[in-house]
Protein backbone atom coordinates (compact mmCIF):
# COMPACT_ATOMS: atom_id res chain seq x y z
CA UNK A 1 -77.62 -106.33 38.61
CA UNK A 2 -76.11 -107.12 35.17
CA UNK A 3 -73.20 -105.05 33.93
CA UNK A 4 -73.34 -102.76 30.92
CA UNK A 5 -71.06 -105.13 29.01
CA UNK A 6 -73.46 -108.03 29.64
CA UNK A 7 -76.55 -106.05 28.61
CA UNK A 8 -74.99 -104.59 25.46
CA UNK A 9 -73.64 -107.95 24.28
CA UNK A 10 -76.81 -109.83 25.13
CA UNK A 11 -79.40 -107.45 23.68
CA UNK A 12 -77.74 -105.17 21.11
CA UNK A 13 -75.69 -105.29 17.91
CA UNK A 14 -73.12 -102.70 19.02
CA UNK A 15 -69.46 -103.45 18.27
CA UNK A 16 -66.66 -103.52 20.84
CA UNK A 17 -65.52 -100.07 19.70
CA UNK A 18 -69.06 -98.75 20.19
CA UNK A 19 -69.11 -100.27 23.66
CA UNK A 20 -65.81 -98.55 24.47
CA UNK A 21 -67.37 -95.22 23.46
CA UNK A 22 -70.29 -95.86 25.81
CA UNK A 23 -67.85 -96.65 28.63
CA UNK A 24 -66.05 -93.38 27.93
CA UNK A 25 -69.38 -91.56 28.06
CA UNK A 26 -70.36 -93.24 31.33
CA UNK A 27 -67.03 -92.22 32.88
CA UNK A 28 -67.91 -88.57 32.16
CA UNK A 29 -71.67 -88.30 32.52
CA UNK A 30 -71.71 -87.53 36.25
CA UNK A 31 -70.69 -84.07 35.04
CA UNK A 32 -73.79 -83.80 32.82
CA UNK A 33 -76.05 -85.16 35.57
CA UNK A 34 -74.79 -82.65 38.16
CA UNK A 35 -74.96 -79.69 35.78
CA UNK A 36 -78.51 -80.67 34.74
CA UNK A 37 -79.75 -81.42 38.30
CA UNK A 38 -81.20 -84.51 36.59
CA UNK A 39 -81.12 -88.29 36.46
CA UNK A 40 -79.64 -89.88 33.36
CA UNK A 41 -80.60 -93.26 31.90
CA UNK A 42 -78.84 -94.64 28.83
CA UNK A 43 -81.15 -96.56 26.48
CA UNK A 44 -79.78 -98.64 23.60
CA UNK A 45 -81.93 -100.21 20.85
CA UNK A 46 -82.04 -104.00 20.87
CA UNK A 47 -80.64 -106.15 18.09
CA UNK A 48 -84.00 -106.51 16.33
CA UNK A 49 -84.84 -102.81 16.72
CA UNK A 50 -88.17 -103.42 18.44
CA UNK A 51 -87.19 -102.40 21.98
CA UNK A 52 -84.77 -100.36 24.05
CA UNK A 53 -82.70 -101.71 26.94
CA UNK A 54 -81.41 -99.46 29.73
CA UNK A 55 -77.72 -100.22 30.22
CA UNK A 56 -76.61 -97.51 32.69
CA UNK A 57 -78.02 -94.97 35.12
CA UNK A 58 -76.71 -91.91 36.98
CA UNK A 59 -78.26 -89.80 39.73
CA UNK A 60 -77.28 -86.17 40.41
CA UNK A 61 -75.30 -84.99 43.41
CA UNK A 62 -76.81 -81.52 43.05
CA UNK A 63 -80.53 -82.24 43.28
CA UNK A 64 -83.27 -84.77 44.12
CA UNK A 65 -83.58 -87.93 42.07
CA UNK A 66 -86.54 -88.67 39.83
CA UNK A 67 -85.87 -92.44 39.82
CA UNK A 68 -86.18 -94.05 43.22
CA UNK A 69 -85.67 -97.51 41.71
CA UNK A 70 -82.85 -98.83 39.58
CA UNK A 71 -83.62 -98.75 35.87
CA UNK A 72 -80.67 -100.78 34.57
CA UNK A 73 -81.81 -103.89 32.70
CA UNK A 74 -85.33 -102.65 31.93
CA UNK A 75 -86.71 -103.26 28.43
CA UNK A 76 -89.35 -101.05 26.81
CA UNK A 77 -90.90 -101.51 23.35
CA UNK A 78 -90.63 -98.84 20.67
CA UNK A 79 -93.61 -96.53 20.70
CA UNK A 80 -94.10 -96.53 24.45
CA UNK A 81 -91.71 -93.59 24.92
CA UNK A 82 -92.05 -91.32 21.89
CA UNK A 83 -89.21 -89.03 22.96
CA UNK A 84 -86.75 -91.94 22.77
CA UNK A 85 -87.98 -92.83 19.29
CA UNK A 86 -87.72 -89.25 18.06
CA UNK A 87 -84.21 -88.68 19.44
CA UNK A 88 -82.96 -91.99 18.03
CA UNK A 89 -84.60 -91.72 14.61
CA UNK A 90 -84.01 -88.00 14.03
CA UNK A 91 -80.66 -87.69 15.82
CA UNK A 92 -81.65 -84.54 17.70
CA UNK A 93 -82.30 -83.49 21.28
CA UNK A 94 -86.02 -83.77 21.99
CA UNK A 95 -87.61 -81.65 24.70
CA UNK A 96 -91.24 -81.56 23.57
CA UNK A 97 -94.06 -82.76 25.79
CA UNK A 98 -95.57 -82.06 29.19
CA UNK A 99 -93.97 -83.21 32.44
CA UNK A 100 -94.65 -86.77 33.53
CA UNK A 101 -96.03 -87.52 36.99
CA UNK A 102 -94.28 -90.25 38.93
CA UNK A 103 -95.56 -90.98 42.43
CA UNK A 104 -97.02 -87.45 42.66
CA UNK A 105 -93.71 -85.92 41.50
CA UNK A 106 -93.62 -83.94 38.24
CA UNK A 107 -90.67 -84.97 36.05
CA UNK A 108 -89.44 -83.19 32.93
CA UNK A 109 -88.17 -85.73 30.40
CA UNK A 110 -85.69 -84.96 27.63
CA UNK A 111 -83.88 -87.26 25.21
CA UNK A 112 -80.30 -86.78 24.00
CA UNK A 113 -78.97 -88.96 21.15
CA UNK A 114 -75.54 -90.49 21.70
CA UNK A 115 -73.66 -90.18 18.44
CA UNK A 116 -70.37 -91.75 17.38
CA UNK A 117 -68.85 -91.35 13.91
CA UNK A 118 -72.16 -90.26 12.45
CA UNK A 119 -74.22 -93.11 13.95
CA UNK A 120 -76.66 -92.88 16.87
CA UNK A 121 -75.72 -95.62 19.33
CA UNK A 122 -78.39 -94.92 21.90
CA UNK A 123 -80.33 -92.23 23.74
CA UNK A 124 -79.82 -90.59 27.13
CA UNK A 125 -83.09 -89.91 28.91
CA UNK A 126 -82.57 -86.85 31.10
CA UNK A 127 -85.21 -86.72 33.86
CA UNK A 128 -85.48 -83.67 36.10
CA UNK A 129 -87.45 -83.68 39.35
CA UNK A 130 -89.56 -80.49 39.23
CA UNK A 131 -90.92 -80.71 42.75
CA UNK A 132 -88.39 -78.20 44.10
CA UNK A 133 -88.32 -75.88 41.08
CA UNK A 134 -87.82 -72.22 41.98
CA UNK A 135 -86.28 -69.13 40.46
CA UNK A 136 -82.76 -70.25 39.55
CA UNK A 137 -79.67 -68.48 40.88
CA UNK A 138 -76.73 -67.35 38.76
CA UNK A 139 -74.91 -70.55 39.67
CA UNK A 140 -77.84 -72.73 38.61
CA UNK A 141 -78.28 -70.83 35.35
CA UNK A 142 -74.59 -71.36 34.58
CA UNK A 143 -74.91 -75.05 35.37
CA UNK A 144 -77.95 -75.43 33.12
CA UNK A 145 -76.38 -73.55 30.22
CA UNK A 146 -73.23 -75.66 30.48
CA UNK A 147 -75.33 -78.83 30.62
CA UNK A 148 -77.15 -77.73 27.45
CA UNK A 149 -73.83 -77.19 25.67
CA UNK A 150 -72.54 -80.62 26.73
CA UNK A 151 -75.80 -82.27 25.64
CA UNK A 152 -75.43 -80.75 22.17
CA UNK A 153 -71.85 -82.02 22.01
CA UNK A 154 -72.99 -85.54 22.93
CA UNK A 155 -75.65 -85.36 20.22
CA UNK A 156 -73.01 -84.20 17.72
CA UNK A 157 -70.51 -86.92 18.74
CA UNK A 158 -67.88 -84.45 19.99
CA UNK A 159 -68.16 -85.39 23.67
CA UNK A 160 -66.68 -87.23 25.53
CA UNK A 161 -63.10 -86.57 24.45
CA UNK A 162 -61.30 -89.76 23.39
CA UNK A 163 -57.73 -90.44 24.48
CA UNK A 164 -58.01 -88.88 27.93
CA UNK A 165 -56.44 -90.79 30.82
CA UNK A 166 -58.76 -89.88 33.68
CA UNK A 167 -58.63 -91.03 37.28
CA UNK A 168 -62.38 -91.05 37.82
CA UNK A 169 -62.10 -91.17 41.61
CA UNK A 170 -59.93 -88.05 41.81
CA UNK A 171 -61.06 -85.70 39.03
CA UNK A 172 -62.75 -82.48 40.18
CA UNK A 173 -66.54 -82.57 40.45
CA UNK A 174 -69.03 -79.82 39.72
CA UNK A 175 -69.56 -79.10 43.41
CA UNK A 176 -65.82 -78.79 44.06
CA UNK A 177 -65.59 -75.61 42.02
CA UNK A 178 -66.60 -74.44 38.53
CA UNK A 179 -65.52 -71.54 36.34
CA UNK A 180 -67.18 -70.63 33.03
CA UNK A 181 -64.98 -68.93 30.43
CA UNK A 182 -65.83 -67.24 27.17
CA UNK A 183 -64.07 -68.02 23.89
CA UNK A 184 -61.17 -65.68 24.80
CA UNK A 185 -60.55 -67.30 28.20
CA UNK A 186 -62.18 -64.48 30.18
CA UNK A 187 -64.01 -65.55 33.33
CA UNK A 188 -67.76 -65.13 32.98
CA UNK A 189 -68.72 -66.88 36.20
CA UNK A 190 -66.96 -68.52 39.14
CA UNK A 191 -68.73 -70.57 41.79
CA UNK A 192 -68.06 -69.67 45.44
CA UNK A 193 -65.85 -72.76 45.90
CA UNK A 194 -63.83 -71.87 42.80
CA UNK A 195 -63.35 -68.28 43.96
CA UNK A 196 -62.24 -69.47 47.41
CA UNK A 197 -59.69 -71.81 45.83
CA UNK A 198 -58.12 -68.99 43.82
CA UNK A 199 -58.06 -66.75 46.88
CA UNK A 200 -56.10 -69.48 48.69
CA UNK A 201 -53.69 -69.55 45.74
CA UNK A 202 -53.02 -65.86 46.39
CA UNK A 203 -55.52 -63.95 44.23
CA UNK A 204 -56.50 -60.77 46.09
CA UNK A 205 -59.25 -59.52 43.74
CA UNK A 206 -62.44 -60.78 42.15
CA UNK A 207 -61.89 -63.21 39.31
CA UNK A 208 -64.82 -62.40 37.00
CA UNK A 209 -63.62 -60.42 33.99
CA UNK A 210 -60.00 -61.60 34.28
CA UNK A 211 -58.12 -63.84 31.84
CA UNK A 212 -57.92 -67.08 33.81
CA UNK A 213 -54.87 -68.43 32.00
CA UNK A 214 -52.76 -65.35 32.69
CA UNK A 215 -53.97 -65.09 36.30
CA UNK A 216 -53.16 -68.75 36.96
CA UNK A 217 -49.70 -68.49 35.39
CA UNK A 218 -48.90 -65.40 37.46
CA UNK A 219 -49.96 -67.13 40.69
CA UNK A 220 -47.99 -70.32 40.01
CA UNK A 221 -44.23 -70.08 40.64
CA UNK A 222 -42.27 -70.55 37.43
CA UNK A 223 -38.76 -69.79 36.19
CA UNK A 224 -40.12 -68.44 32.90
CA UNK A 225 -41.97 -65.10 32.85
CA UNK A 226 -45.16 -66.87 31.68
CA UNK A 227 -45.87 -70.60 31.66
CA UNK A 228 -47.46 -70.95 28.21
CA UNK A 229 -48.76 -74.48 28.78
CA UNK A 230 -50.51 -73.43 31.99
CA UNK A 231 -51.96 -70.38 30.25
CA UNK A 232 -53.45 -72.57 27.51
CA UNK A 233 -54.83 -75.09 29.96
CA UNK A 234 -56.44 -72.51 32.26
CA UNK A 235 -57.80 -70.76 29.17
CA UNK A 236 -59.66 -73.94 28.27
CA UNK A 237 -58.17 -74.52 24.82
CA UNK A 238 -57.86 -78.30 25.18
CA UNK A 239 -59.34 -81.05 27.39
CA UNK A 240 -56.49 -81.39 29.82
CA UNK A 241 -55.74 -81.38 33.53
CA UNK A 242 -53.00 -79.95 35.72
CA UNK A 243 -52.18 -78.91 39.25
CA UNK A 244 -51.31 -75.42 40.44
CA UNK A 245 -49.11 -75.23 43.54
CA UNK A 246 -48.78 -71.78 45.05
CA UNK A 247 -48.98 -70.04 48.41
CA UNK A 248 -48.89 -73.43 50.23
CA UNK A 249 -52.04 -74.42 48.37
CA UNK A 250 -52.53 -77.04 45.64
CA UNK A 251 -55.47 -76.77 43.25
CA UNK A 252 -56.32 -79.36 40.63
CA UNK A 253 -57.67 -77.98 37.35
CA UNK A 254 -59.54 -79.68 34.53
CA UNK A 255 -60.45 -77.88 31.32
CA UNK A 256 -63.46 -78.88 29.16
CA UNK A 257 -63.79 -76.92 25.90
CA UNK A 258 -67.42 -76.23 24.92
CA UNK A 259 -68.20 -76.71 21.22
CA UNK A 260 -71.96 -77.27 21.00
CA UNK A 261 -72.08 -76.41 17.28
CA UNK A 262 -68.57 -77.39 16.30
CA UNK A 263 -66.99 -74.05 17.17
CA UNK A 264 -65.52 -73.31 20.55
CA UNK A 265 -67.74 -70.84 22.41
CA UNK A 266 -65.98 -71.08 25.77
CA UNK A 267 -64.86 -73.58 28.36
CA UNK A 268 -65.65 -75.10 31.70
CA UNK A 269 -62.88 -75.22 34.28
CA UNK A 270 -63.50 -77.66 37.11
CA UNK A 271 -61.21 -77.22 40.09
CA UNK A 272 -60.65 -78.79 43.45
CA UNK A 273 -58.50 -77.81 46.41
CA UNK A 274 -56.33 -80.88 47.06
CA UNK A 275 -53.89 -79.24 49.48
CA UNK A 276 -54.71 -81.62 52.32
CA UNK A 277 -54.59 -84.65 50.03
CA UNK A 278 -51.11 -83.76 48.75
CA UNK A 279 -49.92 -83.00 52.29
CA UNK A 280 -50.95 -86.47 53.44
CA UNK A 281 -49.31 -88.03 50.38
CA UNK A 282 -46.06 -86.23 51.21
CA UNK A 283 -46.30 -87.49 54.79
CA UNK A 284 -46.79 -91.04 53.53
CA UNK A 285 -43.83 -90.68 51.17
CA UNK A 286 -41.68 -89.43 54.04
CA UNK A 287 -42.87 -92.29 56.23
CA UNK A 288 -42.19 -94.79 53.42
CA UNK A 289 -38.66 -93.43 52.99
CA UNK A 290 -38.07 -93.62 56.75
CA UNK A 291 -39.31 -97.21 56.91
CA UNK A 292 -37.13 -98.24 53.97
CA UNK A 293 -34.12 -96.58 55.60
CA UNK A 294 -34.83 -98.44 58.86
CA UNK A 295 -34.98 -101.77 57.02
CA UNK A 296 -31.74 -100.88 55.23
CA UNK A 297 -29.97 -100.11 58.49
CA UNK A 298 -31.33 -103.24 60.17
CA UNK A 299 -30.05 -105.28 57.23
CA UNK A 300 -26.61 -103.64 57.54
CA UNK A 301 -26.50 -104.25 61.29
CA UNK A 302 -27.50 -107.90 60.85
CA UNK A 303 -24.81 -108.35 58.22
CA UNK A 304 -22.31 -106.82 60.64
CA UNK A 305 -23.41 -109.25 63.37
CA UNK A 306 -23.09 -112.14 60.89
CA UNK A 307 -19.59 -111.00 59.94
CA UNK A 308 -18.53 -110.82 63.62
CA UNK A 309 -19.94 -114.30 64.26
CA UNK A 310 -18.15 -115.61 61.20
CA UNK A 311 -14.89 -114.02 62.39
CA UNK A 312 -15.37 -115.56 65.83
CA UNK A 313 -16.07 -118.97 64.27
CA UNK A 314 -12.72 -118.91 62.50
CA UNK A 315 -10.95 -118.40 65.83
CA UNK A 316 -12.76 -121.27 67.57
CA UNK A 317 -10.77 -124.39 68.37
CA UNK A 318 -13.86 -126.50 68.99
CA UNK A 319 -15.55 -127.96 65.90
CA UNK A 320 -18.92 -128.01 67.65
CA UNK A 321 -18.53 -124.38 68.68
CA UNK A 322 -17.49 -123.37 65.17
CA UNK A 323 -20.51 -125.16 63.65
CA UNK A 324 -22.87 -123.55 66.17
CA UNK A 325 -21.60 -120.10 65.24
CA UNK A 326 -21.96 -120.89 61.52
CA UNK A 327 -25.58 -121.92 62.14
CA UNK A 328 -26.15 -118.60 63.89
CA UNK A 329 -24.61 -116.80 60.88
CA UNK A 330 -27.15 -118.47 58.57
CA UNK A 331 -30.05 -117.64 60.89
CA UNK A 332 -29.05 -113.98 61.04
CA UNK A 333 -28.49 -113.98 57.28
CA UNK A 334 -32.01 -115.25 56.55
CA UNK A 335 -33.51 -112.37 58.54
CA UNK A 336 -31.18 -109.91 56.78
CA UNK A 337 -32.50 -111.10 53.40
CA UNK A 338 -36.06 -110.14 54.40
CA UNK A 339 -35.01 -106.68 55.59
CA UNK A 340 -32.97 -106.15 52.42
CA UNK A 341 -36.06 -106.93 50.33
CA UNK A 342 -38.25 -104.65 52.47
CA UNK A 343 -35.75 -101.81 52.05
CA UNK A 344 -36.38 -101.91 48.30
CA UNK A 345 -40.19 -101.82 48.35
CA UNK A 346 -42.80 -99.17 49.10
CA UNK A 347 -44.91 -101.58 51.13
CA UNK A 348 -44.53 -103.65 54.29
CA UNK A 349 -44.88 -106.83 52.25
CA UNK A 350 -42.49 -108.85 50.12
CA UNK A 351 -42.56 -111.24 47.20
CA UNK A 352 -41.40 -114.31 49.12
CA UNK A 353 -40.42 -116.42 46.10
CA UNK A 354 -37.23 -114.39 45.72
CA UNK A 355 -36.43 -114.76 49.41
CA UNK A 356 -36.98 -118.53 49.30
CA UNK A 357 -34.63 -118.82 46.34
CA UNK A 358 -31.95 -116.81 48.13
CA UNK A 359 -32.31 -118.88 51.32
CA UNK A 360 -31.98 -122.04 49.21
CA UNK A 361 -28.78 -120.70 47.64
CA UNK A 362 -27.38 -119.57 51.00
CA UNK A 363 -27.95 -122.91 52.72
CA UNK A 364 -26.67 -124.86 49.72
CA UNK A 365 -23.29 -123.20 50.28
CA UNK A 366 -22.80 -125.67 53.14
CA UNK A 367 -22.34 -128.50 50.64
CA UNK A 368 -21.21 -127.00 47.34
CA UNK A 369 -21.72 -129.38 44.43
CA UNK A 370 -23.16 -132.23 46.53
CA UNK A 371 -26.79 -131.34 47.16
CA UNK A 372 -28.85 -129.23 44.81
CA UNK A 373 -32.04 -127.39 45.64
CA UNK A 374 -35.06 -126.22 43.69
CA UNK A 375 -38.38 -124.53 44.34
CA UNK A 376 -41.80 -125.45 42.95
CA UNK A 377 -45.00 -123.45 43.31
CA UNK A 378 -45.32 -119.87 44.52
CA UNK A 379 -45.33 -118.35 47.99
CA UNK A 380 -46.72 -115.07 46.68
CA UNK A 381 -46.70 -111.75 48.51
CA UNK A 382 -46.43 -112.00 52.30
CA UNK A 383 -46.61 -109.41 55.03
CA UNK A 384 -43.31 -108.64 56.79
CA UNK A 385 -44.53 -110.13 60.08
CA UNK A 386 -45.00 -113.46 58.28
CA UNK A 387 -42.00 -113.30 55.96
CA UNK A 388 -39.39 -112.83 58.71
CA UNK A 389 -40.22 -115.92 60.83
CA UNK A 390 -40.98 -117.94 57.69
CA UNK A 391 -37.50 -117.22 56.31
CA UNK A 392 -35.99 -118.46 59.57
CA UNK A 393 -38.16 -121.60 59.49
CA UNK A 394 -37.12 -122.31 55.92
CA UNK A 395 -33.46 -121.80 56.80
CA UNK A 396 -33.63 -124.18 59.77
CA UNK A 397 -35.46 -126.91 57.85
CA UNK A 398 -33.10 -126.73 54.87
CA UNK A 399 -30.05 -126.68 57.11
CA UNK A 400 -31.38 -129.67 59.06
CA UNK A 401 -31.97 -131.59 55.82
CA UNK A 402 -28.44 -130.94 54.60
CA UNK A 403 -26.76 -131.84 57.89
CA UNK A 404 -28.78 -134.90 58.86
CA UNK A 405 -30.20 -136.19 55.59
CA UNK A 406 -26.93 -136.68 53.73
CA UNK A 407 -23.63 -138.18 54.82
CA UNK A 408 -20.18 -136.96 53.81
CA UNK A 409 -19.75 -137.10 50.04
CA UNK A 410 -23.39 -138.10 49.38
CA UNK A 411 -25.28 -136.34 46.62
CA UNK A 412 -28.97 -135.57 46.50
CA UNK A 413 -31.82 -133.12 45.96
CA UNK A 414 -33.89 -130.91 48.24
CA UNK A 415 -37.16 -129.56 46.88
CA UNK A 416 -39.15 -126.70 48.41
CA UNK A 417 -42.80 -126.63 47.39
CA UNK A 418 -45.39 -123.95 48.10
CA UNK A 419 -49.16 -124.07 47.55
CA UNK A 420 -51.22 -121.03 48.47
CA UNK A 421 -55.01 -120.90 48.74
CA UNK A 422 -57.04 -117.73 49.16
CA UNK A 423 -59.46 -117.27 52.03
CA UNK A 424 -63.03 -115.97 51.65
CA UNK A 425 -64.45 -113.19 53.80
CA UNK A 426 -62.82 -113.00 57.21
CA UNK A 427 -61.19 -116.42 56.79
CA UNK A 428 -57.47 -116.18 56.12
CA UNK A 429 -55.92 -118.07 53.26
CA UNK A 430 -53.46 -120.89 53.81
CA UNK A 431 -49.88 -121.48 52.75
CA UNK A 432 -48.78 -125.12 52.60
CA UNK A 433 -45.00 -125.49 52.44
CA UNK A 434 -43.18 -128.80 51.95
CA UNK A 435 -39.43 -129.39 52.12
CA UNK A 436 -38.53 -132.84 50.85
CA UNK A 437 -35.14 -134.47 50.44
CA UNK A 438 -34.04 -137.83 49.04
CA UNK A 439 -31.52 -138.50 51.81
CA UNK A 440 -31.21 -141.23 54.42
CA UNK A 441 -34.56 -140.50 56.08
CA UNK A 442 -35.63 -140.26 59.73
CA UNK A 443 -34.12 -142.41 62.48
CA UNK A 444 -36.18 -145.16 64.11
CA UNK A 445 -38.75 -143.89 66.59
CA UNK A 446 -38.33 -140.22 65.63
CA UNK A 447 -41.18 -137.96 66.78
CA UNK A 448 -41.05 -134.44 65.30
CA UNK A 449 -43.30 -132.87 67.95
CA UNK A 450 -41.21 -134.12 70.87
CA UNK A 451 -37.65 -134.75 69.76
CA UNK A 452 -35.18 -132.85 67.70
CA UNK A 453 -32.25 -130.48 67.98
CA UNK A 454 -32.25 -126.75 68.63
CA UNK A 455 -33.10 -126.02 65.00
CA UNK A 456 -36.31 -128.10 65.10
CA UNK A 457 -37.26 -126.54 68.42
CA UNK A 458 -36.94 -123.12 66.76
CA UNK A 459 -39.08 -124.33 63.84
CA UNK A 460 -41.84 -125.64 66.12
CA UNK A 461 -41.86 -122.44 68.15
CA UNK A 462 -42.05 -120.16 65.11
CA UNK A 463 -44.59 -122.18 63.10
CA UNK A 464 -46.98 -123.07 65.93
CA UNK A 465 -46.45 -120.08 68.20
CA UNK A 466 -45.66 -117.03 66.09
CA UNK A 467 -47.25 -118.02 62.76
CA UNK A 468 -50.21 -119.92 64.24
CA UNK A 469 -49.71 -122.88 61.92
CA UNK A 470 -49.08 -126.61 62.02
CA UNK A 471 -45.77 -128.45 61.65
CA UNK A 472 -44.93 -132.07 60.95
CA UNK A 473 -41.94 -134.11 59.85
CA UNK A 474 -42.63 -137.48 58.21
CA UNK A 475 -40.88 -140.02 55.95
CA UNK A 476 -41.02 -139.17 52.25
CA UNK A 477 -43.12 -141.52 50.06
CA UNK A 478 -40.08 -143.13 48.35
CA UNK A 479 -36.91 -142.05 50.11
CA UNK A 480 -35.82 -139.31 52.46
CA UNK A 481 -37.77 -136.93 54.68
CA UNK A 482 -40.67 -134.59 54.14
CA UNK A 483 -41.25 -131.55 56.36
CA UNK A 484 -44.69 -129.97 56.13
CA UNK A 485 -45.90 -126.71 57.67
CA UNK A 486 -49.29 -125.18 57.04
CA UNK A 487 -49.74 -121.55 58.10
CA UNK A 488 -52.54 -118.97 57.73
CA UNK A 489 -51.68 -115.99 55.52
CA UNK A 490 -53.86 -112.93 55.04
CA UNK A 491 -54.21 -111.40 51.62
CA UNK A 492 -52.13 -108.25 51.10
CA UNK A 493 -53.79 -105.20 52.65
CA UNK A 494 -53.41 -101.60 51.67
CA UNK A 495 -50.77 -99.94 53.79
CA UNK A 496 -53.13 -97.08 54.75
CA UNK A 497 -55.64 -99.53 56.24
CA UNK A 498 -53.06 -100.64 58.78
CA UNK A 499 -52.16 -97.15 59.99
C-alpha cells in the first residue's frame, strides 16, 4: 500500500507545509473517529482538479466499521460523490442526503473540509455504520457532541493544534477516560473510566459539577497551596498534557480546548491510569542502576586483580614468568574495558569502536614509539556477550603481532579493520575483522589451526567456540601477517525483549 507522502506527491499539488499539516491531522484523527463512532477517509483533489485521491483511512475503536476494505489509493472523479464536491467547493460540513447502502449495511456519509490558512486542502469523509443504531446513552451523546465540535474546528482550520510534541503511542485514548468541561472548567460529564481514575487519585465524591482544575490541584501533592499550572491544564485552557501522581496512583491528562466557532465553549480532558506503566518503568530504572553498579564493581575488581598481577610481576626473577604475568594483566585489562563501558550505558550493549581503540592503545604500550596502530571501518554496537570475548581476542591478536611480528628496535604498523554486514530475517549479520601488520611474517610451515602459543589457542577457542565464528592466520599480500576472524553478530535488540 502506498504511503500518504507518495500519494500526495504523485497526484496532488500540495506543498510540503500542506503535507505536514495533513500528517498532524492524521496523528490526531483517531480521536475524531472514536468520538464519531465512524470511519474516516481523507480525500485530496488531484493536481488537475478532476478527481480525488484517498490518502489516509481510520477505523473507530468504539464501533463497527463501514469500510471492510482499504480505501487508501482509490481515485474517484468529481461528480461521483456530490458531498465531497460540496464540502471542498463551499468549505463547509455537508450532512445532506440519505444513508448509503453498502453490502446491506446502511451508512451515513458526511464530509468535513480540511482547512489550513484559509485554503481547503482536502475533505474527510465520515462514514457511520447505522446497523447498530439505538437510543444513545449520555456517554454516546457526549462523544457525538464533542466530535461535532472537533469537526467544526477542522473545517475552520483551528484543529489540530500545531507545535504539540505528542507521543502517539502513549497519549490517552477516548476509551481510557473522557471528561467534558464547560467554558469555566466545570465538569459536565465524566465517563466511568475517568471517574474511576479520579477515585483512585483520592477523590471521595462525584466529580460532575466540580471545578476540575481545583480538584486536581488539591489531589496532587504540591508545596504551594495551589499549583496554578495544573489548575489551568485541568481546566482545559490550552492544549497540553501532564501527569498527576497522588495516592500511589499516576494519571495522565491531556486537555483539548473546544472552539468550534472561534470562541472557547469548553474542553475535553482525556485521561489514562498509567500507574502500572510507571511502576514497571521504575523497576526497569532500578534494574538498570543495579546492572550498571555490578559492571562498575566488576571493573574495579578486575583492575585490582591486574594491579596485583603487575605487582607480582615486578617481584619475579624469571623473565618468562614476568612476561607471562604481564600478558595476564593485559587480558584482564581488556575485559575491564568492556565492563567500564557497560557501567556507563543504560543497555547491555556497547559501541565497540571505542573499546577497540582503547585495546589498541593499551597493547601499543608494550612498544612505545616503535609500532603504531590504527583502526579502519566500524564494529558498531555489540551485545555484551559478544563484546567481552571479542575484546580478549583482539588483545591476544594484537599482542601476538607485536611480540612475534617485530624484532627489537624494529618499527612498523598494525591495522585493525572491521566490516559489518546486516542479516535479513532470522539470519544474523556478520562481522569481519582483520588485523594486519607489516612485520617479519609467519615462519615456514606455520599452520594457524594447529600450531601456536597460548594466546592463539585462546583466540581459536573464543572465536570458534564461544563466538561461533571462523579464524585464520595467513601471510599478508605484501609483507607481514594478516589475521582474519569472521563472527555472527545479531542486531541490537530492545532490552525488554530479552527479559
